Amino acid sequence: MRFAGVKELKQQTMDILKASEKEDIIITAYGKPTAVLHHITEEDLADYLIENAPNFKMKIEESFAAYSRSGGIEADALIKRIEKRSAIKV
């Protein structure tokens, strides 16, 4: 992990972007960390967007809370329920 100031980022953007392929880079402003530059591939972009979408996070949290309140469901019961739904649709 390395650090780069805003001025360095502005002057050496392409070099810093290439360096981020090997390690995360902490961007600083006035000596204080303000951002993290983390390399991402095209394949990872869709996952990143979904994982960081506020609505998606909220739905996951709501679903987990409901799951916790109801006591959840055993994996075998879930598989049977899915198989039953699949059989009905076919």
PDB file of N, CA and C in Angstrom:
ATOM      1  N   MET A   1       0.856  -1.167   0.000  1.00  0.00           N
ATOM      2  CA  MET A   1       0.000   0.000   0.000  1.00  0.00           C
ATOM      3  C   MET A   1       0.902   1.229   0.000  1.00  0.00           C
ATOM      4  N   ARG A   2       0.528   2.188  -0.794  1.00  0.00           N
ATOM      5  CA  ARG A   2       1.319   3.417  -0.821  1.00  0.00           C
ATOM      6  C   ARG A   2       0.406   4.621  -0.718  1.00  0.00           C
ATOM      7  N   PHE A   3       0.988   5.765  -0.482  1.00  0.00           N
ATOM      8  CA  PHE A   3       0.250   7.015  -0.348  1.00  0.00           C
ATOM      9  C   PHE A   3       0.622   7.936  -1.497  1.00  0.00           C
ATOM     10  N   ALA A   4      -0.341   8.723  -1.948  1.00  0.00           N
ATOM     11  CA  ALA A   4      -0.089   9.723  -2.983  1.00  0.00           C
ATOM     12  C   ALA A   4      -0.921  10.950  -2.643  1.00  0.00           C
ATOM     13  N   GLY A   5      -0.294  12.094  -2.700  1.00  0.00           N
ATOM     14  CA  GLY A   5      -1.013  13.339  -2.454  1.00  0.00           C
ATOM     15  C   GLY A   5      -1.816  13.748  -3.675  1.00  0.00           C
ATOM     16  N   VAL A   6      -2.729  14.664  -3.478  1.00  0.00           N
ATOM     17  CA  VAL A   6      -3.574  15.148  -4.561  1.00  0.00           C
ATOM     18  C   VAL A   6      -2.722  15.752  -5.676  1.00  0.00           C
ATOM     19  N   LYS A   7      -1.696  16.485  -5.304  1.00  0.00           N
ATOM     20  CA  LYS A   7      -0.828  17.107  -6.308  1.00  0.00           C
ATOM     21  C   LYS A   7      -0.134  16.029  -7.147  1.00  0.00           C
ATOM     22  N   GLU A   8       0.371  15.001  -6.492  1.00  0.00           N
ATOM     23  CA  GLU A   8       1.013  13.898  -7.211  1.00  0.00           C
ATOM     24  C   GLU A   8       0.005  13.193  -8.120  1.00  0.00           C
ATOM     25  N   LEU A   9      -1.193  12.985  -7.619  1.00  0.00           N
ATOM     26  CA  LEU A   9      -2.241  12.338  -8.407  1.00  0.00           C
ATOM     27  C   LEU A   9      -2.545  13.156  -9.660  1.00  0.00           C
ATOM     28  N   LYS A  10      -2.608  14.458  -9.497  1.00  0.00           N
ATOM     29  CA  LYS A  10      -2.910  15.340 -10.629  1.00  0.00           C
ATOM     30  C   LYS A  10      -1.794  15.297 -11.669  1.00  0.00           C
ATOM     31  N   GLN A  11      -0.551  15.265 -11.232  1.00  0.00           N
ATOM     32  CA  GLN A  11       0.587  15.320 -12.145  1.00  0.00           C
ATOM     33  C   GLN A  11       0.951  13.961 -12.741  1.00  0.00           C
ATOM     34  N   GLN A  12       0.638  12.866 -12.025  1.00  0.00           N
ATOM     35  CA  GLN A  12       1.065  11.537 -12.465  1.00  0.00           C
ATOM     36  C   GLN A  12      -0.102  10.547 -12.500  1.00  0.00           C
ATOM     37  N   THR A  13      -1.241  10.998 -12.964  1.00  0.00           N
ATOM     38  CA  THR A  13      -2.457  10.187 -12.910  1.00  0.00           C
ATOM     39  C   THR A  13      -2.272   8.804 -13.524  1.00  0.00           C
ATOM     40  N   MET A  14      -1.762   8.735 -14.729  1.00  0.00           N
ATOM     41  CA  MET A  14      -1.641   7.445 -15.409  1.00  0.00           C
ATOM     42  C   MET A  14      -0.676   6.514 -14.687  1.00  0.00           C
ATOM     43  N   ASP A  15       0.429   7.035 -14.196  1.00  0.00           N
ATOM     44  CA  ASP A  15       1.383   6.205 -13.451  1.00  0.00           C
ATOM     45  C   ASP A  15       0.749   5.657 -12.177  1.00  0.00           C
ATOM     46  N   ILE A  16      -0.007   6.485 -11.499  1.00  0.00           N
ATOM     47  CA  ILE A  16      -0.662   6.056 -10.257  1.00  0.00           C
ATOM     48  C   ILE A  16      -1.746   5.021 -10.552  1.00  0.00           C
ATOM     49  N   LEU A  17      -2.488   5.217 -11.642  1.00  0.00           N
ATOM     50  CA  LEU A  17      -3.492   4.227 -12.021  1.00  0.00           C
ATOM     51  C   LEU A  17      -2.842   2.879 -12.319  1.00  0.00           C
ATOM     52  N   LYS A  18      -1.733   2.883 -13.008  1.00  0.00           N
ATOM     53  CA  LYS A  18      -1.022   1.634 -13.285  1.00  0.00           C
ATOM     54  C   LYS A  18      -0.503   1.001 -11.993  1.00  0.00           C
ATOM     55  N   ALA A  19      -0.014   1.821 -11.082  1.00  0.00           N
ATOM     56  CA  ALA A  19       0.476   1.304  -9.796  1.00  0.00           C
ATOM     57  C   ALA A  19      -0.656   0.681  -8.985  1.00  0.00           C
ATOM     58  N   SER A  20      -1.870   1.189  -9.168  1.00  0.00           N
ATOM     59  CA  SER A  20      -3.007   0.659  -8.403  1.00  0.00           C
ATOM     60  C   SER A  20      -3.363  -0.764  -8.828  1.00  0.00           C
ATOM     61  N   GLU A  21      -2.849  -1.215  -9.974  1.00  0.00           N
ATOM     62  CA  GLU A  21      -3.078  -2.595 -10.392  1.00  0.00           C
ATOM     63  C   GLU A  21      -2.336  -3.569  -9.482  1.00  0.00           C
ATOM     64  N   LYS A  22      -1.278  -3.099  -8.838  1.00  0.00           N
ATOM     65  CA  LYS A  22      -0.463  -3.949  -7.970  1.00  0.00           C
ATOM     66  C   LYS A  22      -0.794  -3.781  -6.494  1.00  0.00           C
ATOM     67  N   GLU A  23      -1.240  -2.590  -6.105  1.00  0.00           N
ATOM     68  CA  GLU A  23      -1.527  -2.326  -4.691  1.00  0.00           C
ATOM     69  C   GLU A  23      -2.501  -1.162  -4.565  1.00  0.00           C
ATOM     70  N   ASP A  24      -3.221  -1.124  -3.456  1.00  0.00           N
ATOM     71  CA  ASP A  24      -4.111  -0.001  -3.185  1.00  0.00           C
ATOM     72  C   ASP A  24      -3.280   1.245  -2.921  1.00  0.00           C
ATOM     73  N   ILE A  25      -3.839   2.392  -3.295  1.00  0.00           N
ATOM     74  CA  ILE A  25      -3.145   3.659  -3.083  1.00  0.00           C
ATOM     75  C   ILE A  25      -4.061   4.576  -2.291  1.00  0.00           C
ATOM     76  N   ILE A  26      -3.549   5.061  -1.173  1.00  0.00           N
ATOM     77  CA  ILE A  26      -4.293   6.003  -0.338  1.00  0.00           C
ATOM     78  C   ILE A  26      -4.015   7.405  -0.884  1.00  0.00           C
ATOM     79  N   ILE A  27      -5.087   8.109  -1.235  1.00  0.00           N
ATOM     80  CA  ILE A  27      -4.954   9.483  -1.719  1.00  0.00           C
ATOM     81  C   ILE A  27      -5.127  10.409  -0.521  1.00  0.00           C
ATOM     82  N   THR A  28      -4.200  11.340  -0.388  1.00  0.00           N
ATOM     83  CA  THR A  28      -4.250  12.268   0.746  1.00  0.00           C
ATOM     84  C   THR A  28      -4.419  13.701   0.256  1.00  0.00           C
ATOM     85  N   ALA A  29      -5.056  14.487   1.091  1.00  0.00           N
ATOM     86  CA  ALA A  29      -5.180  15.928   0.859  1.00  0.00           C
ATOM     87  C   ALA A  29      -4.735  16.607   2.147  1.00  0.00           C
ATOM     88  N   TYR A  30      -3.770  17.466   2.028  1.00  0.00           N
ATOM     89  CA  TYR A  30      -3.196  18.155   3.184  1.00  0.00           C
ATOM     90  C   TYR A  30      -2.699  17.158   4.233  1.00  0.00           C
ATOM     91  N   GLY A  31      -2.169  16.021   3.746  1.00  0.00           N
ATOM     92  CA  GLY A  31      -1.594  15.021   4.632  1.00  0.00           C
ATOM     93  C   GLY A  31      -2.591  14.082   5.283  1.00  0.00           C
ATOM     94  N   LYS A  32      -3.874  14.258   5.002  1.00  0.00           N
ATOM     95  CA  LYS A  32      -4.897  13.399   5.611  1.00  0.00           C
ATOM     96  C   LYS A  32      -5.514  12.502   4.546  1.00  0.00           C
ATOM     97  N   PRO A  33      -5.758  11.242   4.876  1.00  0.00           N
ATOM     98  CA  PRO A  33      -6.346  10.330   3.894  1.00  0.00           C
ATOM     99  C   PRO A  33      -7.754  10.767   3.499  1.00  0.00           C
ATOM    100  N   THR A  34      -8.032  10.733   2.197  1.00  0.00           N
ATOM    101  CA  THR A  34      -9.351  11.146   1.718  1.00  0.00           C
ATOM    102  C   THR A  34     -10.014  10.106   0.818  1.00  0.00           C
ATOM    103  N   ALA A  35      -9.213   9.230   0.212  1.00  0.00           N
ATOM    104  CA  ALA A  35      -9.778   8.231  -0.703  1.00  0.00           C
ATOM    105  C   ALA A  35      -8.808   7.068  -0.841  1.00  0.00           C
ATOM    106  N   VAL A  36      -9.343   5.974  -1.352  1.00  0.00           N
ATOM    107  CA  VAL A  36      -8.528   4.808  -1.661  1.00  0.00           C
ATOM    108  C   VAL A  36      -8.700   4.510  -3.144  1.00  0.00           C
ATOM    109  N   LEU A  37      -7.602   4.384  -3.838  1.00  0.00           N
ATOM    110  CA  LEU A  37      -7.632   4.017  -5.246  1.00  0.00           C
ATOM    111  C   LEU A  37      -7.371   2.516  -5.319  1.00  0.00           C
ATOM    112  N   HIS A  38      -8.385   1.789  -5.752  1.00  0.00           N
ATOM    113  CA  HIS A  38      -8.333   0.324  -5.784  1.00  0.00           C
ATOM    114  C   HIS A  38      -8.607  -0.124  -7.211  1.00  0.00           C
ATOM    115  N   HIS A  39      -7.739  -0.947  -7.756  1.00  0.00           N
ATOM    116  CA  HIS A  39      -7.892  -1.432  -9.132  1.00  0.00           C
ATOM    117  C   HIS A  39      -9.152  -2.282  -9.263  1.00  0.00           C
ATOM    118  N   ILE A  40      -9.850  -2.126 -10.372  1.00  0.00           N
ATOM    119  CA  ILE A  40     -11.039  -2.927 -10.636  1.00  0.00           C
ATOM    120  C   ILE A  40     -11.031  -3.316 -12.113  1.00  0.00           C
ATOM    121  N   THR A  41     -11.468  -4.529 -12.393  1.00  0.00           N
ATOM    122  CA  THR A  41     -11.540  -4.991 -13.775  1.00  0.00           C
ATOM    123  C   THR A  41     -12.963  -4.834 -14.288  1.00  0.00           C
ATOM    124  N   GLU A  42     -13.128  -4.987 -15.593  1.00  0.00           N
ATOM    125  CA  GLU A  42     -14.473  -4.908 -16.168  1.00  0.00           C
ATOM    126  C   GLU A  42     -15.371  -5.997 -15.594  1.00  0.00           C
ATOM    127  N   GLU A  43     -14.788  -7.168 -15.359  1.00  0.00           N
ATOM    128  CA  GLU A  43     -15.573  -8.285 -14.816  1.00  0.00           C
ATOM    129  C   GLU A  43     -16.066  -7.989 -13.400  1.00  0.00           C
ATOM    130  N   ASP A  44     -15.293  -7.223 -12.637  1.00  0.00           N
ATOM    131  CA  ASP A  44     -15.653  -6.913 -11.255  1.00  0.00           C
ATOM    132  C   ASP A  44     -16.609  -5.731 -11.133  1.00  0.00           C
ATOM    133  N   LEU A  45     -16.754  -4.956 -12.194  1.00  0.00           N
ATOM    134  CA  LEU A  45     -17.532  -3.718 -12.112  1.00  0.00           C
ATOM    135  C   LEU A  45     -18.989  -3.957 -11.735  1.00  0.00           C
ATOM    136  N   ALA A  46     -19.647  -4.901 -12.380  1.00  0.00           N
ATOM    137  CA  ALA A  46     -21.064  -5.156 -12.081  1.00  0.00           C
ATOM    138  C   ALA A  46     -21.243  -5.556 -10.620  1.00  0.00           C
ATOM    139  N   ASP A  47     -20.374  -6.451 -10.126  1.00  0.00           N
ATOM    140  CA  ASP A  47     -20.459  -6.857  -8.716  1.00  0.00           C
ATOM    141  C   ASP A  47     -20.263  -5.667  -7.794  1.00  0.00           C
ATOM    142  N   TYR A  48     -19.284  -4.837  -8.118  1.00  0.00           N
ATOM    143  CA  TYR A  48     -19.005  -3.666  -7.282  1.00  0.00           C
ATOM    144  C   TYR A  48     -20.216  -2.732  -7.230  1.00  0.00           C
ATOM    145  N   LEU A  49     -20.817  -2.484  -8.379  1.00  0.00           N
ATOM    146  CA  LEU A  49     -21.971  -1.581  -8.427  1.00  0.00           C
ATOM    147  C   LEU A  49     -23.141  -2.130  -7.624  1.00  0.00           C
ATOM    148  N   ILE A  50     -23.390  -3.420  -7.744  1.00  0.00           N
ATOM    149  CA  ILE A  50     -24.496  -4.028  -7.002  1.00  0.00           C
ATOM    150  C   ILE A  50     -24.209  -4.016  -5.496  1.00  0.00           C
ATOM    151  N   GLU A  51     -23.008  -4.418  -5.124  1.00  0.00           N
ATOM    152  CA  GLU A  51     -22.650  -4.493  -3.705  1.00  0.00           C
ATOM    153  C   GLU A  51     -22.685  -3.135  -3.020  1.00  0.00           C
ATOM    154  N   ASN A  52     -22.472  -2.078  -3.764  1.00  0.00           N
ATOM    155  CA  ASN A  52     -22.411  -0.749  -3.168  1.00  0.00           C
ATOM    156  C   ASN A  52     -23.642   0.099  -3.432  1.00  0.00           C
ATOM    157  N   ALA A  53     -24.672  -0.496  -4.033  1.00  0.00           N
ATOM    158  CA  ALA A  53     -25.926   0.226  -4.268  1.00  0.00           C
ATOM    159  C   ALA A  53     -26.690   0.315  -2.945  1.00  0.00           C
ATOM    160  N   PRO A  54     -27.047   1.519  -2.515  1.00  0.00           N
ATOM    161  CA  PRO A  54     -27.748   1.669  -1.226  1.00  0.00           C
ATOM    162  C   PRO A  54     -29.036   0.853  -1.146  1.00  0.00           C
ATOM    163  N   ASN A  55     -29.807   0.793  -2.223  1.00  0.00           N
ATOM    164  CA  ASN A  55     -31.060   0.035  -2.194  1.00  0.00           C
ATOM    165  C   ASN A  55     -30.803  -1.449  -2.007  1.00  0.00           C
ATOM    166  N   PHE A  56     -29.759  -1.967  -2.642  1.00  0.00           N
ATOM    167  CA  PHE A  56     -29.421  -3.378  -2.513  1.00  0.00           C
ATOM    168  C   PHE A  56     -28.998  -3.698  -1.089  1.00  0.00           C
ATOM    169  N   LYS A  57     -28.152  -2.848  -0.511  1.00  0.00           N
ATOM    170  CA  LYS A  57     -27.719  -3.054   0.870  1.00  0.00           C
ATOM    171  C   LYS A  57     -28.910  -3.058   1.823  1.00  0.00           C
ATOM    172  N   MET A  58     -29.841  -2.115   1.599  1.00  0.00           N
ATOM    173  CA  MET A  58     -31.009  -2.018   2.466  1.00  0.00           C
ATOM    174  C   MET A  58     -31.859  -3.292   2.355  1.00  0.00           C
ATOM    175  N   LYS A  59     -32.054  -3.807   1.141  1.00  0.00           N
ATOM    176  CA  LYS A  59     -32.842  -5.030   0.962  1.00  0.00           C
ATOM    177  C   LYS A  59     -32.174  -6.219   1.651  1.00  0.00           C
ATOM    178  N   ILE A  60     -30.861  -6.308   1.550  1.00  0.00           N
ATOM    179  CA  ILE A  60     -30.139  -7.397   2.214  1.00  0.00           C
ATOM    180  C   ILE A  60     -30.317  -7.302   3.726  1.00  0.00           C
ATOM    181  N   GLU A  61     -30.168  -6.094   4.278  1.00  0.00           N
ATOM    182  CA  GLU A  61     -30.323  -5.906   5.722  1.00  0.00           C
ATOM    183  C   GLU A  61     -31.743  -6.229   6.166  1.00  0.00           C
ATOM    184  N   GLU A  62     -32.744  -5.796   5.392  1.00  0.00           N
ATOM    185  CA  GLU A  62     -34.139  -6.086   5.729  1.00  0.00           C
ATOM    186  C   GLU A  62     -34.411  -7.591   5.675  1.00  0.00           C
ATOM    187  N   SER A  63     -33.886  -8.239   4.649  1.00  0.00           N
ATOM    188  CA  SER A  63     -34.090  -9.685   4.504  1.00  0.00           C
ATOM    189  C   SER A  63     -33.435 -10.446   5.649  1.00  0.00           C
ATOM    190  N   PHE A  64     -32.232 -10.032   6.023  1.00  0.00           N
ATOM    191  CA  PHE A  64     -31.544 -10.698   7.118  1.00  0.00           C
ATOM    192  C   PHE A  64     -32.295 -10.498   8.435  1.00  0.00           C
ATOM    193  N   ALA A  65     -32.820  -9.289   8.655  1.00  0.00           N
ATOM    194  CA  ALA A  65     -33.585  -9.022   9.876  1.00  0.00           C
ATOM    195  C   ALA A  65     -34.836  -9.890   9.915  1.00  0.00           C
ATOM    196  N   ALA A  66     -35.540  -9.995   8.791  1.00  0.00           N
ATOM    197  CA  ALA A  66     -36.733 -10.841   8.733  1.00  0.00           C
ATOM    198  C   ALA A  66     -36.366 -12.302   8.965  1.00  0.00           C
ATOM    199  N   TYR A  67     -35.278 -12.727   8.377  1.00  0.00           N
ATOM    200  CA  TYR A  67     -34.788 -14.097   8.560  1.00  0.00           C
ATOM    201  C   TYR A  67     -34.484 -14.361  10.030  1.00  0.00           C
ATOM    202  N   SER A  68     -33.820 -13.425  10.669  1.00  0.00           N
ATOM    203  CA  SER A  68     -33.467 -13.578  12.084  1.00  0.00           C
ATOM    204  C   SER A  68     -34.711 -13.626  12.964  1.00  0.00           C
ATOM    205  N   ARG A  69     -35.701 -12.773  12.667  1.00  0.00           N
ATOM    206  CA  ARG A  69     -36.940 -12.734  13.464  1.00  0.00           C
ATOM    207  C   ARG A  69     -37.720 -14.037  13.344  1.00  0.00           C
ATOM    208  N   SER A  70     -37.749 -14.610  12.151  1.00  0.00           N
ATOM    209  CA  SER A  70     -38.565 -15.807  11.930  1.00  0.00           C
ATOM    210  C   SER A  70     -37.856 -17.089  12.337  1.00  0.00           C
ATOM    211  N   GLY A  71     -36.592 -16.991  12.655  1.00  0.00           N
ATOM    212  CA  GLY A  71     -35.848 -18.181  13.041  1.00  0.00           C
ATOM    213  C   GLY A  71     -35.187 -18.870  11.862  1.00  0.00           C
ATOM    214  N   GLY A  72     -35.399 -18.339  10.672  1.00  0.00           N
ATOM    215  CA  GLY A  72     -34.736 -18.872   9.493  1.00  0.00           C
ATOM    216  C   GLY A  72     -35.367 -20.155   8.993  1.00  0.00           C
ATOM    217  N   ILE A  73     -34.665 -20.805   8.090  1.00  0.00           N
ATOM    218  CA  ILE A  73     -35.143 -22.049   7.497  1.00  0.00           C
ATOM    219  C   ILE A  73     -33.925 -22.948   7.266  1.00  0.00           C
ATOM    220  N   GLU A  74     -34.099 -24.229   7.469  1.00  0.00           N
ATOM    221  CA  GLU A  74     -33.016 -25.188   7.248  1.00  0.00           C
ATOM    222  C   GLU A  74     -32.696 -25.262   5.755  1.00  0.00           C
ATOM    223  N   ALA A  75     -31.465 -25.545   5.430  1.00  0.00           N
ATOM    224  CA  ALA A  75     -31.038 -25.619   4.030  1.00  0.00           C
ATOM    225  C   ALA A  75     -31.824 -26.683   3.270  1.00  0.00           C
ATOM    226  N   ASP A  76     -32.051 -27.837   3.888  1.00  0.00           N
ATOM    227  CA  ASP A  76     -32.800 -28.906   3.209  1.00  0.00           C
ATOM    228  C   ASP A  76     -34.225 -28.467   2.886  1.00  0.00           C
ATOM    229  N   ALA A  77     -34.851 -27.754   3.819  1.00  0.00           N
ATOM    230  CA  ALA A  77     -36.212 -27.281   3.592  1.00  0.00           C
ATOM    231  C   ALA A  77     -36.244 -26.250   2.472  1.00  0.00           C
ATOM    232  N   LEU A  78     -35.232 -25.401   2.420  1.00  0.00           N
ATOM    233  CA  LEU A  78     -35.152 -24.403   1.358  1.00  0.00           C
ATOM    234  C   LEU A  78     -34.982 -25.078  -0.001  1.00  0.00           C
ATOM    235  N   ILE A  79     -34.132 -26.074  -0.069  1.00  0.00           N
ATOM    236  CA  ILE A  79     -33.913 -26.791  -1.330  1.00  0.00           C
ATOM    237  C   ILE A  79     -35.210 -27.456  -1.793  1.00  0.00           C
ATOM    238  N   LYS A  80     -35.922 -28.086  -0.880  1.00  0.00           N
ATOM    239  CA  LYS A  80     -37.199 -28.721  -1.239  1.00  0.00           C
ATOM    240  C   LYS A  80     -38.206 -27.689  -1.729  1.00  0.00           C
ATOM    241  N   ARG A  81     -38.244 -26.535  -1.070  1.00  0.00           N
ATOM    242  CA  ARG A  81     -39.171 -25.471  -1.472  1.00  0.00           C
ATOM    243  C   ARG A  81     -38.832 -24.977  -2.886  1.00  0.00           C
ATOM    244  N   ILE A  82     -37.555 -24.815  -3.171  1.00  0.00           N
ATOM    245  CA  ILE A  82     -37.136 -24.362  -4.499  1.00  0.00           C
ATOM    246  C   ILE A  82     -37.458 -25.419  -5.556  1.00  0.00           C
ATOM    247  N   GLU A  83     -37.209 -26.680  -5.235  1.00  0.00           N
ATOM    248  CA  GLU A  83     -37.510 -27.752  -6.160  1.00  0.00           C
ATOM    249  C   GLU A  83     -38.998 -27.819  -6.446  1.00  0.00           C
ATOM    250  N   LYS A  84     -39.824 -27.620  -5.413  1.00  0.00           N
ATOM    251  CA  LYS A  84     -41.264 -27.650  -5.583  1.00  0.00           C
ATOM    252  C   LYS A  84     -41.707 -26.508  -6.506  1.00  0.00           C
ATOM    253  N   ARG A  85     -41.160 -25.308  -6.303  1.00  0.00           N
ATOM    254  CA  ARG A  85     -41.495 -24.160  -7.164  1.00  0.00           C
ATOM    255  C   ARG A  85     -41.058 -24.401  -8.592  1.00  0.00           C
ATOM    256  N   SER A  86     -39.896 -25.007  -8.780  1.00  0.00           N
ATOM    257  CA  SER A  86     -39.386 -25.296 -10.122  1.00  0.00           C
ATOM    258  C   SER A  86     -40.284 -26.297 -10.827  1.00  0.00           C
ATOM    259  N   ALA A  87     -40.770 -27.287 -10.096  1.00  0.00           N
ATOM    260  CA  ALA A  87     -41.631 -28.307 -10.673  1.00  0.00           C
ATOM    261  C   ALA A  87     -42.968 -27.721 -11.107  1.00  0.00           C
ATOM    262  N   ILE A  88     -43.475 -26.761 -10.372  1.00  0.00           N
ATOM    263  CA  ILE A  88     -44.762 -26.131 -10.694  1.00  0.00           C
ATOM    264  C   ILE A  88     -44.639 -25.293 -11.970  1.00  0.00           C
ATOM    265  N   LYS A  89     -43.526 -24.588 -12.139  1.00  0.00           N
ATOM    266  CA  LYS A  89     -43.355 -23.693 -13.290  1.00  0.00           C
ATOM    267  C   LYS A  89     -43.126 -24.462 -14.590  1.00  0.00           C
ATOM    268  N   VAL A  90     -42.562 -25.642 -14.500  1.00  0.00           N
ATOM    269  CA  VAL A  90     -42.208 -26.401 -15.710  1.00  0.00           C
ATOM    270  C   VAL A  90     -43.380 -27.076 -16.302  1.00  0.00           C
TER     271      VAL A  90
END
